[in-house]
Amino acid sequence: MTTRPCLVRQAGLTLAELLVALAVGLGVLLAGAVLMIGANNAYLAHEDAAAIDDGGRFALALIGRAVRQGAFVDWERLKGVAPARNLPAPLAGLDSRSLPKTSFGVDAPVNTAVNGSDVLAVRYAGAGAAPDGDGSVLDCAGFSIPDTKEGWSIFFVARNGDGQAELRCKYRGAANWSADAVVAGVDSFQVLYGLDTDTAPDGIPNRYVNATTLAALDAALPLSELNEKTCWKRVASVQVALLLHGERPSAAPLQPPAYSLFGPAYAKAHSADEGVQLAQAQLRGQAPATTRRLFTAVFAVGAAQP
């Protein structure tokens, strides 16, 4: 009589095996979720930093183009004759002020400046025949200025309807004045002016001062000589500093305790110049610290006028 071997058939997992499999699967899912969240956060942080860098570079490029145009003289139109000495200076500025959108130039300034932000105004002659010019001279909104008009590019900081501080460019349109946002997320916009104090101007700045100092120097001039001898015509260069922040909390473990927009030495020597040094606690308030970038540049205006 032959006997058949006893066959043991697999009927399922034991409870212990099932629990082990579930634990391993959950561990893999958890690790994958952590990696995905980390990758997403890194992408968002990179995107935020890139947006800040793009905004800062664009703002400096726009300001630099406007400042360099401040020295423009259309010699062809003037037929070699030097411009009148009593013309207004190509530059103007205000410390710790903001502006209405529709007022003339820098008229009617307001005290609601964001962290002591300044106002920088540049005026310049147009080029080319009316009505559109030849496109070589543009205001900060990108409109071409013909030789029959005077172009303006004015930079200041104001808050939009959402309370977000933004750098704006103000310009004169065909019928009235207007202002457009250049970059948002502005903590402070500061301006210094390189003053050529040599008796015979050589176009090289001897010291950098703010708009308040220039106004005080002009106050000593007779009113009849103000346009001709104003210190604003001796400004050979403009130094700007722009502090921007992003939209998301920073992933950096350490944040600087303060930002000195023109360096610690200037901030220490000019503590009364509002906005040139901003504490981290002052900027963030009760909110988490965000990514911040400081952009600085110096732009030549041209040879100072005697």
Protein backbone atom coordinates (compact mmCIF):
# COMPACT_ATOMS: atom_id res chain seq x y z
CA MET A 1 0.00 0.00 0.00
CA THR A 2 1.51 3.31 -1.09
CA THR A 3 1.17 6.45 0.95
CA ARG A 4 0.78 9.92 -0.48
CA PRO A 5 2.96 12.74 0.87
CA CYS A 6 1.19 15.25 3.03
CA LEU A 7 0.90 18.58 1.13
CA VAL A 8 0.95 21.78 3.19
CA ARG A 9 -0.82 24.59 1.34
CA GLN A 10 -0.22 28.29 2.01
CA ALA A 11 -3.53 29.74 3.11
CA GLY A 12 -2.43 33.39 3.93
CA LEU A 13 -0.22 35.52 6.13
CA THR A 14 0.00 35.21 9.78
CA LEU A 15 -0.90 38.20 11.89
CA ALA A 16 2.72 38.86 12.74
CA GLU A 17 3.74 38.82 9.07
CA LEU A 18 0.92 41.18 8.16
CA LEU A 19 1.89 43.66 10.85
CA VAL A 20 5.52 43.61 9.73
CA ALA A 21 4.51 44.21 6.10
CA LEU A 22 2.25 47.10 7.05
CA ALA A 23 4.97 48.66 9.19
CA VAL A 24 7.53 48.44 6.38
CA GLY A 25 5.07 49.89 3.86
CA LEU A 26 4.13 52.79 6.13
CA GLY A 27 7.81 53.51 6.74
CA VAL A 28 8.47 53.70 2.99
CA LEU A 29 5.47 55.99 2.49
CA LEU A 30 6.55 58.22 5.37
CA ALA A 31 10.10 58.51 4.03
CA GLY A 32 8.77 59.33 0.57
CA ALA A 33 6.45 62.00 1.97
CA VAL A 34 9.29 63.59 3.95
CA LEU A 35 11.48 63.68 0.86
CA MET A 36 8.67 65.14 -1.22
CA ILE A 37 7.91 67.87 1.34
CA GLY A 38 11.61 68.71 1.63
CA ALA A 39 12.01 68.91 -2.13
CA ASN A 40 8.92 71.10 -2.43
CA ASN A 41 10.12 73.44 0.33
CA ALA A 42 13.54 73.70 -1.33
CA TYR A 43 11.90 74.51 -4.66
CA LEU A 44 9.69 77.20 -3.11
CA ALA A 45 12.67 78.73 -1.27
CA HIS A 46 14.70 78.77 -4.49
CA GLU A 47 11.79 80.32 -6.38
CA ASP A 48 11.39 82.98 -3.68
CA ALA A 49 15.10 83.83 -3.71
CA ALA A 50 15.15 83.97 -7.51
CA ALA A 51 12.16 86.33 -7.53
CA ILE A 52 13.96 88.65 -5.06
CA ASP A 53 17.13 88.63 -7.16
CA ASP A 54 15.23 89.31 -10.38
CA GLY A 55 13.30 92.18 -8.78
CA GLY A 56 16.43 93.75 -7.31
CA ARG A 57 18.41 93.54 -10.55
CA PHE A 58 15.51 94.98 -12.56
CA ALA A 59 15.04 97.88 -10.13
CA LEU A 60 18.74 98.79 -10.15
CA ALA A 61 18.88 98.59 -13.95
CA LEU A 62 15.89 100.93 -14.23
CA ILE A 63 17.29 103.42 -11.72
CA GLY A 64 20.73 103.30 -13.34
CA ARG A 65 19.33 104.06 -16.78
CA ALA A 66 17.38 107.03 -15.40
CA VAL A 67 20.38 108.47 -13.52
CA ARG A 68 22.69 108.19 -16.52
CA GLN A 69 20.10 110.00 -18.64
CA GLY A 70 20.25 112.88 -16.18
CA ALA A 71 23.54 113.97 -17.78
CA PHE A 72 22.17 113.79 -21.33
CA VAL A 73 22.51 116.93 -23.46
CA ASP A 74 21.16 116.98 -27.01
CA TRP A 75 24.09 118.86 -28.57
CA GLU A 76 22.71 118.37 -32.07
CA ARG A 77 19.50 120.20 -31.17
CA LEU A 78 21.42 122.90 -29.29
CA LYS A 79 23.78 123.28 -32.28
CA GLY A 80 26.85 123.25 -30.05
CA VAL A 81 25.63 125.99 -27.72
CA ALA A 82 25.97 125.10 -24.03
CA PRO A 83 22.69 124.85 -22.07
CA ALA A 84 21.68 127.85 -19.99
CA ARG A 85 23.32 127.86 -16.56
CA ASN A 86 20.09 128.73 -14.76
CA LEU A 87 18.22 125.60 -15.81
CA PRO A 88 16.97 123.37 -12.96
CA ALA A 89 19.30 120.62 -11.75
CA PRO A 90 18.81 117.19 -13.33
CA LEU A 91 18.48 115.56 -9.90
CA ALA A 92 16.27 116.09 -6.89
CA GLY A 93 15.59 114.04 -3.80
CA LEU A 94 13.86 113.82 -0.44
CA ASP A 95 14.73 111.90 2.71
CA SER A 96 12.16 109.76 4.50
CA ARG A 97 9.25 110.74 2.27
CA SER A 98 6.73 109.24 -0.11
CA LEU A 99 4.72 110.83 -2.93
CA PRO A 100 1.18 110.95 -4.30
CA LYS A 101 0.76 109.31 -7.68
CA THR A 102 -0.64 112.32 -9.52
CA SER A 103 1.12 115.37 -8.04
CA PHE A 104 3.59 117.33 -10.18
CA GLY A 105 7.11 115.94 -9.84
CA VAL A 106 8.13 115.75 -6.19
CA ASP A 107 5.50 118.26 -5.07
CA ALA A 108 3.22 117.51 -2.09
CA PRO A 109 5.42 114.87 -0.41
CA VAL A 110 3.88 112.83 2.42
CA ASN A 111 5.45 111.63 5.66
CA THR A 112 4.20 108.04 5.39
CA ALA A 113 7.58 106.71 4.32
CA VAL A 114 8.22 102.97 4.70
CA ASN A 115 11.14 102.56 7.13
CA GLY A 116 12.50 105.99 6.21
CA SER A 117 12.60 105.32 2.46
CA ASP A 118 13.81 108.16 0.25
CA VAL A 119 12.66 109.77 -3.00
CA LEU A 120 14.94 110.04 -6.05
CA ALA A 121 13.88 112.22 -9.00
CA VAL A 122 15.69 112.54 -12.33
CA ARG A 123 14.76 114.96 -15.11
CA TYR A 124 16.31 114.97 -18.57
CA ALA A 125 15.90 116.30 -22.10
CA GLY A 126 14.26 114.17 -24.76
CA ALA A 127 15.66 113.23 -28.15
CA GLY A 128 14.12 112.95 -31.58
CA ALA A 129 11.18 114.57 -33.24
CA ALA A 130 7.73 114.72 -31.68
CA PRO A 131 5.46 113.03 -30.92
CA ASP A 132 7.37 109.82 -30.13
CA GLY A 133 11.05 110.79 -30.27
CA ASP A 134 13.71 108.46 -31.57
CA GLY A 135 13.51 105.95 -28.70
CA SER A 136 16.95 106.72 -27.28
CA VAL A 137 15.58 108.51 -24.18
CA LEU A 138 12.99 106.62 -22.14
CA ASP A 139 11.24 107.37 -18.87
CA CYS A 140 10.95 104.73 -16.15
CA ALA A 141 7.68 103.48 -17.65
CA GLY A 142 9.36 102.81 -20.99
CA PHE A 143 7.82 105.72 -22.93
CA SER A 144 10.03 107.51 -25.44
CA ILE A 145 10.59 111.22 -24.75
CA PRO A 146 10.78 113.58 -27.78
CA ASP A 147 13.04 116.64 -27.84
CA THR A 148 10.05 118.94 -27.29
CA LYS A 149 9.40 117.54 -23.80
CA GLU A 150 11.23 117.04 -20.54
CA GLY A 151 11.34 113.49 -19.23
CA TRP A 152 10.96 112.54 -15.57
CA SER A 153 11.72 109.33 -13.70
CA ILE A 154 10.91 109.48 -9.99
CA PHE A 155 11.44 106.56 -7.63
CA PHE A 156 9.76 106.24 -4.24
CA VAL A 157 8.21 103.63 -1.94
CA ALA A 158 4.51 103.39 -1.09
CA ARG A 159 2.06 100.73 0.06
CA ASN A 160 -0.48 99.18 -2.28
CA GLY A 161 -4.07 98.28 -1.46
CA ASP A 162 -2.93 95.09 0.31
CA GLY A 163 -0.51 96.96 2.54
CA GLN A 164 2.52 95.60 0.65
CA ALA A 165 5.35 98.11 0.27
CA GLU A 166 6.53 98.53 -3.33
CA LEU A 167 9.05 100.63 -5.19
CA ARG A 168 7.22 102.78 -7.71
CA CYS A 169 8.31 104.80 -10.71
CA LYS A 170 6.50 108.07 -11.29
CA TYR A 171 6.39 109.65 -14.73
CA ARG A 172 4.56 112.31 -16.69
CA GLY A 173 2.10 110.94 -19.21
CA ALA A 174 0.41 112.71 -22.10
CA ALA A 175 -2.29 114.23 -19.89
CA ASN A 176 -1.24 113.76 -16.25
CA TRP A 177 1.21 112.15 -13.84
CA SER A 178 1.08 108.51 -12.85
CA ALA A 179 3.12 105.90 -10.97
CA ASP A 180 3.60 102.17 -11.57
CA ALA A 181 5.05 99.46 -9.32
CA VAL A 182 8.59 98.37 -10.14
CA VAL A 183 9.14 95.68 -7.49
CA ALA A 184 7.21 94.60 -4.39
CA GLY A 185 8.40 93.45 -0.98
CA VAL A 186 10.46 96.59 -0.23
CA ASP A 187 11.85 97.06 3.28
CA SER A 188 13.74 100.28 2.52
CA PHE A 189 15.03 102.40 -0.36
CA GLN A 190 17.91 104.72 0.50
CA VAL A 191 19.84 107.22 -1.63
CA LEU A 192 23.15 109.08 -1.18
CA TYR A 193 24.61 111.67 -3.53
CA GLY A 194 28.28 111.90 -4.47
CA LEU A 195 29.10 115.60 -4.14
CA ASP A 196 32.02 117.09 -6.09
CA THR A 197 33.23 119.84 -3.77
CA ASP A 198 36.36 120.87 -5.71
CA THR A 199 36.52 124.53 -6.71
CA ALA A 200 37.08 123.43 -10.29
CA PRO A 201 34.75 120.40 -10.59
CA ASP A 202 36.45 117.27 -11.90
CA GLY A 203 33.44 114.95 -11.91
CA ILE A 204 34.79 112.87 -9.00
CA PRO A 205 32.74 112.84 -5.78
CA ASN A 206 34.58 113.96 -2.65
CA ARG A 207 31.92 112.82 -0.19
CA TYR A 208 28.50 111.23 -0.12
CA VAL A 209 25.62 113.05 1.53
CA ASN A 210 21.86 112.67 1.75
CA ALA A 211 19.18 114.94 0.32
CA THR A 212 18.72 116.77 3.63
CA THR A 213 22.37 117.83 3.64
CA LEU A 214 22.15 119.09 0.06
CA ALA A 215 19.03 121.09 0.93
CA ALA A 216 20.86 122.66 3.89
CA LEU A 217 23.78 123.65 1.64
CA ASP A 218 21.37 125.20 -0.86
CA ALA A 219 19.62 127.15 1.89
CA ALA A 220 22.72 129.34 2.22
CA LEU A 221 22.51 130.46 -1.44
CA PRO A 222 20.67 133.62 -2.52
CA LEU A 223 17.34 132.79 -4.10
CA SER A 224 18.36 134.55 -7.32
CA GLU A 225 21.37 132.20 -7.70
CA LEU A 226 19.72 129.01 -6.53
CA ASN A 227 19.10 127.42 -9.94
CA GLU A 228 22.55 128.33 -11.21
CA LYS A 229 24.64 127.40 -8.18
CA THR A 230 22.58 124.70 -6.48
CA CYS A 231 24.64 121.88 -5.01
CA TRP A 232 22.43 119.41 -6.88
CA LYS A 233 24.36 120.38 -10.03
CA ARG A 234 27.55 119.23 -8.32
CA VAL A 235 26.30 115.70 -7.78
CA ALA A 236 28.64 113.45 -9.78
CA SER A 237 27.20 110.07 -8.78
CA VAL A 238 24.26 108.50 -7.00
CA GLN A 239 24.51 105.59 -4.56
CA VAL A 240 21.35 103.59 -3.96
CA ALA A 241 20.54 100.78 -1.55
CA LEU A 242 17.43 98.63 -1.81
CA LEU A 243 16.44 96.05 0.82
CA LEU A 244 13.89 93.48 -0.40
CA HIS A 245 12.15 90.57 1.28
CA GLY A 246 10.44 87.46 -0.04
CA GLU A 247 6.98 86.06 0.57
CA ARG A 248 7.90 82.93 2.55
CA PRO A 249 9.70 82.31 5.86
CA SER A 250 13.44 81.89 5.42
CA ALA A 251 14.97 78.44 5.75
CA ALA A 252 18.28 79.93 6.90
CA PRO A 253 19.06 78.96 10.51
CA LEU A 254 20.64 82.34 11.30
CA GLN A 255 19.48 85.84 10.41
CA PRO A 256 21.60 89.00 10.80
CA PRO A 257 20.48 91.11 13.77
CA ALA A 258 20.40 94.26 11.60
CA TYR A 259 20.87 95.48 8.03
CA SER A 260 23.18 98.46 7.41
CA LEU A 261 22.22 99.66 3.95
CA PHE A 262 25.37 101.75 3.43
CA GLY A 263 27.60 99.80 5.80
CA PRO A 264 28.06 99.93 9.60
CA ALA A 265 30.45 102.91 9.47
CA TYR A 266 27.93 105.18 7.74
CA ALA A 267 25.09 103.97 9.95
CA LYS A 268 27.12 104.73 13.06
CA ALA A 269 28.18 108.17 11.87
CA HIS A 270 24.71 109.12 10.58
CA SER A 271 22.31 107.57 13.04
CA ALA A 272 19.84 110.41 12.40
CA ASP A 273 19.48 109.33 8.75
CA GLU A 274 16.34 107.24 9.16
CA GLY A 275 16.27 103.89 7.39
CA VAL A 276 20.00 103.37 6.79
CA GLN A 277 20.06 100.72 9.54
CA LEU A 278 17.12 98.43 10.23
CA ALA A 279 16.96 95.86 13.03
CA GLN A 280 15.68 92.40 12.22
CA ALA A 281 13.08 92.66 14.98
CA GLN A 282 11.87 95.96 13.52
CA LEU A 283 11.39 94.40 10.09
CA ARG A 284 9.75 91.14 11.04
CA GLY A 285 7.58 92.20 13.99
CA GLN A 286 5.73 89.09 15.21
CA ALA A 287 5.96 87.26 11.88
CA PRO A 288 8.60 84.62 11.01
CA ALA A 289 11.78 85.97 9.38
CA THR A 290 11.65 85.97 5.58
CA THR A 291 14.48 85.82 3.05
CA ARG A 292 16.03 89.25 2.54
CA ARG A 293 18.52 90.62 0.02
CA LEU A 294 20.35 93.95 0.02
CA PHE A 295 21.08 95.47 -3.40
CA THR A 296 23.48 98.38 -3.76
CA ALA A 297 24.92 100.25 -6.73
CA VAL A 298 26.65 103.52 -7.64
CA PHE A 299 25.72 105.29 -10.88
CA ALA A 300 27.65 108.11 -12.52
CA VAL A 301 25.67 111.21 -13.42
CA GLY A 302 28.38 112.90 -15.48
CA ALA A 303 30.76 115.77 -14.99
CA ALA A 304 29.63 118.14 -12.27
CA GLN A 305 28.72 121.60 -13.44
CA PRO A 306 30.83 124.59 -12.33
